[in-house]
Amino acid sequence: MQKMLKENKGITLVALVITIVVMLIIASIAVYTGKDTIKEAQLEELKTNMLLIEAKAKGLVEEVNFKIGLVKPEEEGYQGKKDTAEQEVYVEGAKLEKATNISAPSSIPVSECYEVTSEAMNEWGLDNIELEEGEYYLVQFDDVNATVEVYNTLGYDGKYSLTEIESIEE
């Protein structure tokens, strides 16, 4: 009779399979959640970078409007409002270059934009922004209305302007 009563010294094959299935379910949930978290972090990083660039560019537009002045045509000294689109734009000593030879989606009006160069980013204190291969930040100025639109050539889910990216709901 003692030989018939053996002690169980291991787990059964069924228990092992159930344990593995449960672990796979937990792992798949973790991976799915991790992917969402990474995408949200990438979106937030892109938004933050674009908002920082927008703030600096708006400061430039306000400075240009201040320097040009808004003198009325009937006042003495009126020379007409200068078109800054054809001029070189300097930002605290760093030159923003007209966007040329940049491969970008057709929804970005590249010919109307300035490239935010690494020199300009350094001058603005944004040297921690890292660009991927083929990624550019572009700025479109409207100094008459004192507005700025910022574009990223890689974008996020088919959206390239800050206005579009801000409208993405998480």
C-alpha atoms as a PDB file:
ATOM      1  CA  MET A   1       0.000   0.000   0.000  1.00  0.00           C
ATOM      2  CA  GLN A   2       2.829   2.371   0.638  1.00  0.00           C
ATOM      3  CA  LYS A   3       4.046   1.953  -2.893  1.00  0.00           C
ATOM      4  CA  MET A   4       0.674   3.083  -4.254  1.00  0.00           C
ATOM      5  CA  LEU A   5       0.742   6.372  -2.352  1.00  0.00           C
ATOM      6  CA  LYS A   6       3.394   8.390  -4.114  1.00  0.00           C
ATOM      7  CA  GLU A   7       4.163  11.984  -3.358  1.00  0.00           C
ATOM      8  CA  ASN A   8       3.614  14.377  -6.220  1.00  0.00           C
ATOM      9  CA  LYS A   9       6.931  16.054  -6.918  1.00  0.00           C
ATOM     10  CA  GLY A  10       6.061  18.182  -9.968  1.00  0.00           C
ATOM     11  CA  ILE A  11       3.357  19.955 -11.867  1.00  0.00           C
ATOM     12  CA  THR A  12       1.093  18.372 -14.379  1.00  0.00           C
ATOM     13  CA  LEU A  13       1.247  19.114 -18.086  1.00  0.00           C
ATOM     14  CA  VAL A  14      -2.197  20.783 -17.913  1.00  0.00           C
ATOM     15  CA  ALA A  15      -1.058  23.155 -15.156  1.00  0.00           C
ATOM     16  CA  LEU A  16       2.051  24.035 -17.169  1.00  0.00           C
ATOM     17  CA  VAL A  17       0.020  24.800 -20.316  1.00  0.00           C
ATOM     18  CA  ILE A  18      -2.455  26.951 -18.372  1.00  0.00           C
ATOM     19  CA  THR A  19       0.417  28.893 -16.769  1.00  0.00           C
ATOM     20  CA  ILE A  20       2.039  29.536 -20.149  1.00  0.00           C
ATOM     21  CA  VAL A  21      -1.258  30.671 -21.713  1.00  0.00           C
ATOM     22  CA  VAL A  22      -1.896  33.104 -18.838  1.00  0.00           C
ATOM     23  CA  MET A  23       1.635  34.475 -19.135  1.00  0.00           C
ATOM     24  CA  LEU A  24       1.216  34.967 -22.900  1.00  0.00           C
ATOM     25  CA  ILE A  25      -2.037  36.869 -22.351  1.00  0.00           C
ATOM     26  CA  ILE A  26      -0.396  39.133 -19.781  1.00  0.00           C
ATOM     27  CA  ALA A  27       2.614  39.693 -22.072  1.00  0.00           C
ATOM     28  CA  SER A  28       0.409  40.614 -25.038  1.00  0.00           C
ATOM     29  CA  ILE A  29      -1.518  43.125 -22.933  1.00  0.00           C
ATOM     30  CA  ALA A  30       1.765  44.654 -21.752  1.00  0.00           C
ATOM     31  CA  VAL A  31       3.112  44.939 -25.308  1.00  0.00           C
ATOM     32  CA  TYR A  32      -0.102  46.533 -26.588  1.00  0.00           C
ATOM     33  CA  THR A  33      -0.145  49.023 -23.708  1.00  0.00           C
ATOM     34  CA  GLY A  34       3.545  49.753 -24.194  1.00  0.00           C
ATOM     35  CA  LYS A  35       3.063  50.535 -27.884  1.00  0.00           C
ATOM     36  CA  ASP A  36       0.271  52.991 -27.069  1.00  0.00           C
ATOM     37  CA  THR A  37       2.397  54.647 -24.406  1.00  0.00           C
ATOM     38  CA  ILE A  38       5.316  55.011 -26.827  1.00  0.00           C
ATOM     39  CA  LYS A  39       3.067  56.532 -29.540  1.00  0.00           C
ATOM     40  CA  GLU A  40       1.590  58.994 -27.025  1.00  0.00           C
ATOM     41  CA  ALA A  41       5.079  59.976 -25.867  1.00  0.00           C
ATOM     42  CA  GLN A  42       6.209  60.528 -29.476  1.00  0.00           C
ATOM     43  CA  LEU A  43       3.154  62.693 -30.161  1.00  0.00           C
ATOM     44  CA  GLU A  44       3.739  64.759 -27.032  1.00  0.00           C
ATOM     45  CA  GLU A  45       7.421  65.213 -27.886  1.00  0.00           C
ATOM     46  CA  LEU A  46       6.549  66.395 -31.404  1.00  0.00           C
ATOM     47  CA  LYS A  47       3.886  68.792 -30.074  1.00  0.00           C
ATOM     48  CA  THR A  48       6.288  70.191 -27.489  1.00  0.00           C
ATOM     49  CA  ASN A  49       9.053  70.743 -30.045  1.00  0.00           C
ATOM     50  CA  MET A  50       6.661  72.437 -32.445  1.00  0.00           C
ATOM     51  CA  LEU A  51       5.194  74.640 -29.710  1.00  0.00           C
ATOM     52  CA  LEU A  52       8.684  75.748 -28.655  1.00  0.00           C
ATOM     53  CA  ILE A  53       9.593  76.594 -32.243  1.00  0.00           C
ATOM     54  CA  GLU A  54       6.267  78.409 -32.689  1.00  0.00           C
ATOM     55  CA  ALA A  55       6.873  80.517 -29.581  1.00  0.00           C
ATOM     56  CA  LYS A  56      10.325  81.560 -30.780  1.00  0.00           C
ATOM     57  CA  ALA A  57       9.053  82.269 -34.309  1.00  0.00           C
ATOM     58  CA  LYS A  58       6.144  84.361 -32.976  1.00  0.00           C
ATOM     59  CA  GLY A  59       8.661  86.396 -31.022  1.00  0.00           C
ATOM     60  CA  LEU A  60      10.505  86.997 -34.273  1.00  0.00           C
ATOM     61  CA  VAL A  61       7.320  88.126 -36.046  1.00  0.00           C
ATOM     62  CA  GLU A  62       6.543  90.560 -33.230  1.00  0.00           C
ATOM     63  CA  GLU A  63      10.110  91.878 -33.327  1.00  0.00           C
ATOM     64  CA  VAL A  64       9.956  92.343 -37.119  1.00  0.00           C
ATOM     65  CA  ASN A  65       6.632  94.172 -36.863  1.00  0.00           C
ATOM     66  CA  PHE A  66       8.080  96.375 -34.147  1.00  0.00           C
ATOM     67  CA  LYS A  67      11.201  97.190 -36.173  1.00  0.00           C
ATOM     68  CA  ILE A  68       9.290  97.835 -39.401  1.00  0.00           C
ATOM     69  CA  GLY A  69       6.659  99.795 -37.570  1.00  0.00           C
ATOM     70  CA  LEU A  70       3.049 100.192 -38.384  1.00  0.00           C
ATOM     71  CA  VAL A  71       3.176 103.777 -39.608  1.00  0.00           C
ATOM     72  CA  LYS A  72       0.027 104.847 -41.411  1.00  0.00           C
ATOM     73  CA  PRO A  73       0.397 105.884 -45.072  1.00  0.00           C
ATOM     74  CA  GLU A  74      -0.633 109.459 -44.332  1.00  0.00           C
ATOM     75  CA  GLU A  75       2.058 109.887 -41.654  1.00  0.00           C
ATOM     76  CA  GLU A  76       5.460 111.377 -42.373  1.00  0.00           C
ATOM     77  CA  GLY A  77       8.197 108.795 -42.886  1.00  0.00           C
ATOM     78  CA  TYR A  78       5.933 106.133 -44.375  1.00  0.00           C
ATOM     79  CA  GLN A  79       7.913 103.848 -46.675  1.00  0.00           C
ATOM     80  CA  GLY A  80       5.428 101.049 -47.008  1.00  0.00           C
ATOM     81  CA  LYS A  81       5.425  97.768 -45.180  1.00  0.00           C
ATOM     82  CA  LYS A  82       8.378  95.682 -46.243  1.00  0.00           C
ATOM     83  CA  ASP A  83       7.786  92.159 -47.431  1.00  0.00           C
ATOM     84  CA  THR A  84       9.871  89.966 -45.117  1.00  0.00           C
ATOM     85  CA  ALA A  85       9.162  86.876 -47.218  1.00  0.00           C
ATOM     86  CA  GLU A  86      11.875  87.882 -49.685  1.00  0.00           C
ATOM     87  CA  GLN A  87      14.396  88.924 -47.047  1.00  0.00           C
ATOM     88  CA  GLU A  88      16.715  86.793 -45.003  1.00  0.00           C
ATOM     89  CA  VAL A  89      15.310  86.275 -41.562  1.00  0.00           C
ATOM     90  CA  TYR A  90      17.623  86.450 -38.578  1.00  0.00           C
ATOM     91  CA  VAL A  91      16.625  85.113 -35.232  1.00  0.00           C
ATOM     92  CA  GLU A  92      18.798  86.317 -32.377  1.00  0.00           C
ATOM     93  CA  GLY A  93      21.772  86.127 -34.737  1.00  0.00           C
ATOM     94  CA  ALA A  94      20.857  82.800 -36.350  1.00  0.00           C
ATOM     95  CA  LYS A  95      19.722  82.867 -39.950  1.00  0.00           C
ATOM     96  CA  LEU A  96      16.592  80.992 -40.949  1.00  0.00           C
ATOM     97  CA  GLU A  97      16.984  79.792 -44.504  1.00  0.00           C
ATOM     98  CA  LYS A  98      14.322  79.676 -47.195  1.00  0.00           C
ATOM     99  CA  ALA A  99      13.213  76.056 -47.470  1.00  0.00           C
ATOM    100  CA  THR A 100      14.688  74.695 -50.680  1.00  0.00           C
ATOM    101  CA  ASN A 101      15.600  71.186 -51.759  1.00  0.00           C
ATOM    102  CA  ILE A 102      13.552  69.715 -48.936  1.00  0.00           C
ATOM    103  CA  SER A 103      11.528  66.626 -49.629  1.00  0.00           C
ATOM    104  CA  ALA A 104       8.173  67.133 -47.925  1.00  0.00           C
ATOM    105  CA  PRO A 105       4.577  65.978 -48.313  1.00  0.00           C
ATOM    106  CA  SER A 106       2.510  67.999 -50.770  1.00  0.00           C
ATOM    107  CA  SER A 107       0.347  69.434 -47.977  1.00  0.00           C
ATOM    108  CA  ILE A 108       3.308  71.491 -46.722  1.00  0.00           C
ATOM    109  CA  PRO A 109       3.786  74.762 -48.648  1.00  0.00           C
ATOM    110  CA  VAL A 110       7.579  74.410 -48.702  1.00  0.00           C
ATOM    111  CA  SER A 111       8.135  77.360 -51.053  1.00  0.00           C
ATOM    112  CA  GLU A 112       6.515  79.683 -48.481  1.00  0.00           C
ATOM    113  CA  CYS A 113       8.458  78.328 -45.516  1.00  0.00           C
ATOM    114  CA  TYR A 114      11.769  78.834 -43.773  1.00  0.00           C
ATOM    115  CA  GLU A 115      13.839  75.920 -42.519  1.00  0.00           C
ATOM    116  CA  VAL A 116      14.636  76.031 -38.825  1.00  0.00           C
ATOM    117  CA  THR A 117      18.328  75.256 -39.044  1.00  0.00           C
ATOM    118  CA  SER A 118      20.316  73.599 -36.292  1.00  0.00           C
ATOM    119  CA  GLU A 119      22.101  76.948 -35.874  1.00  0.00           C
ATOM    120  CA  ALA A 120      18.776  78.672 -35.195  1.00  0.00           C
ATOM    121  CA  MET A 121      17.734  75.914 -32.773  1.00  0.00           C
ATOM    122  CA  ASN A 122      21.002  76.352 -30.877  1.00  0.00           C
ATOM    123  CA  GLU A 123      20.485  80.117 -30.692  1.00  0.00           C
ATOM    124  CA  TRP A 124      16.953  79.572 -29.411  1.00  0.00           C
ATOM    125  CA  GLY A 125      18.168  77.142 -26.762  1.00  0.00           C
ATOM    126  CA  LEU A 126      16.435  74.229 -28.487  1.00  0.00           C
ATOM    127  CA  ASP A 127      19.591  72.234 -29.138  1.00  0.00           C
ATOM    128  CA  ASN A 128      18.095  69.201 -27.368  1.00  0.00           C
ATOM    129  CA  ILE A 129      15.727  68.628 -30.306  1.00  0.00           C
ATOM    130  CA  GLU A 130      17.056  65.667 -32.242  1.00  0.00           C
ATOM    131  CA  LEU A 131      16.103  65.291 -35.878  1.00  0.00           C
ATOM    132  CA  GLU A 132      15.685  61.967 -37.623  1.00  0.00           C
ATOM    133  CA  GLU A 133      16.946  61.308 -41.139  1.00  0.00           C
ATOM    134  CA  GLY A 134      14.899  63.434 -43.559  1.00  0.00           C
ATOM    135  CA  GLU A 135      13.146  65.364 -40.777  1.00  0.00           C
ATOM    136  CA  TYR A 136      12.918  69.152 -40.889  1.00  0.00           C
ATOM    137  CA  TYR A 137      11.012  71.794 -38.990  1.00  0.00           C
ATOM    138  CA  LEU A 138       9.637  74.496 -41.257  1.00  0.00           C
ATOM    139  CA  VAL A 139       8.072  77.826 -40.314  1.00  0.00           C
ATOM    140  CA  GLN A 140       5.609  79.816 -42.389  1.00  0.00           C
ATOM    141  CA  PHE A 141       5.407  83.467 -41.331  1.00  0.00           C
ATOM    142  CA  ASP A 142       2.469  85.817 -41.675  1.00  0.00           C
ATOM    143  CA  ASP A 143       3.926  88.996 -40.205  1.00  0.00           C
ATOM    144  CA  VAL A 144       0.897  91.069 -41.203  1.00  0.00           C
ATOM    145  CA  ASN A 145      -1.384  89.045 -38.923  1.00  0.00           C
ATOM    146  CA  ALA A 146       1.478  88.164 -36.553  1.00  0.00           C
ATOM    147  CA  THR A 147       0.877  84.437 -36.977  1.00  0.00           C
ATOM    148  CA  VAL A 148       3.157  81.495 -37.518  1.00  0.00           C
ATOM    149  CA  GLU A 149       2.547  77.949 -38.697  1.00  0.00           C
ATOM    150  CA  VAL A 150       5.084  75.259 -37.866  1.00  0.00           C
ATOM    151  CA  TYR A 151       5.453  72.111 -39.955  1.00  0.00           C
ATOM    152  CA  ASN A 152       7.354  68.875 -39.412  1.00  0.00           C
ATOM    153  CA  THR A 153       8.223  66.966 -42.579  1.00  0.00           C
ATOM    154  CA  LEU A 154       7.714  63.554 -40.933  1.00  0.00           C
ATOM    155  CA  GLY A 155       4.548  64.551 -39.127  1.00  0.00           C
ATOM    156  CA  TYR A 156       2.342  62.225 -37.134  1.00  0.00           C
ATOM    157  CA  ASP A 157      -0.325  59.983 -38.670  1.00  0.00           C
ATOM    158  CA  GLY A 158      -0.464  62.014 -41.884  1.00  0.00           C
ATOM    159  CA  LYS A 159      -0.650  65.379 -40.123  1.00  0.00           C
ATOM    160  CA  TYR A 160       2.238  67.789 -40.593  1.00  0.00           C
ATOM    161  CA  SER A 161       1.267  71.222 -39.227  1.00  0.00           C
ATOM    162  CA  LEU A 162       1.103  72.149 -35.572  1.00  0.00           C
ATOM    163  CA  THR A 163      -2.543  73.127 -36.006  1.00  0.00           C
ATOM    164  CA  GLU A 164      -3.393  69.648 -37.305  1.00  0.00           C
ATOM    165  CA  ILE A 165      -1.282  67.849 -34.710  1.00  0.00           C
ATOM    166  CA  GLU A 166      -2.856  69.804 -31.849  1.00  0.00           C
ATOM    167  CA  SER A 167      -6.266  68.612 -33.020  1.00  0.00           C
ATOM    168  CA  ILE A 168      -5.324  64.940 -32.560  1.00  0.00           C
ATOM    169  CA  GLU A 169      -7.203  63.511 -29.616  1.00  0.00           C
ATOM    170  CA  GLU A 170      -5.338  60.971 -27.559  1.00  0.00           C
END
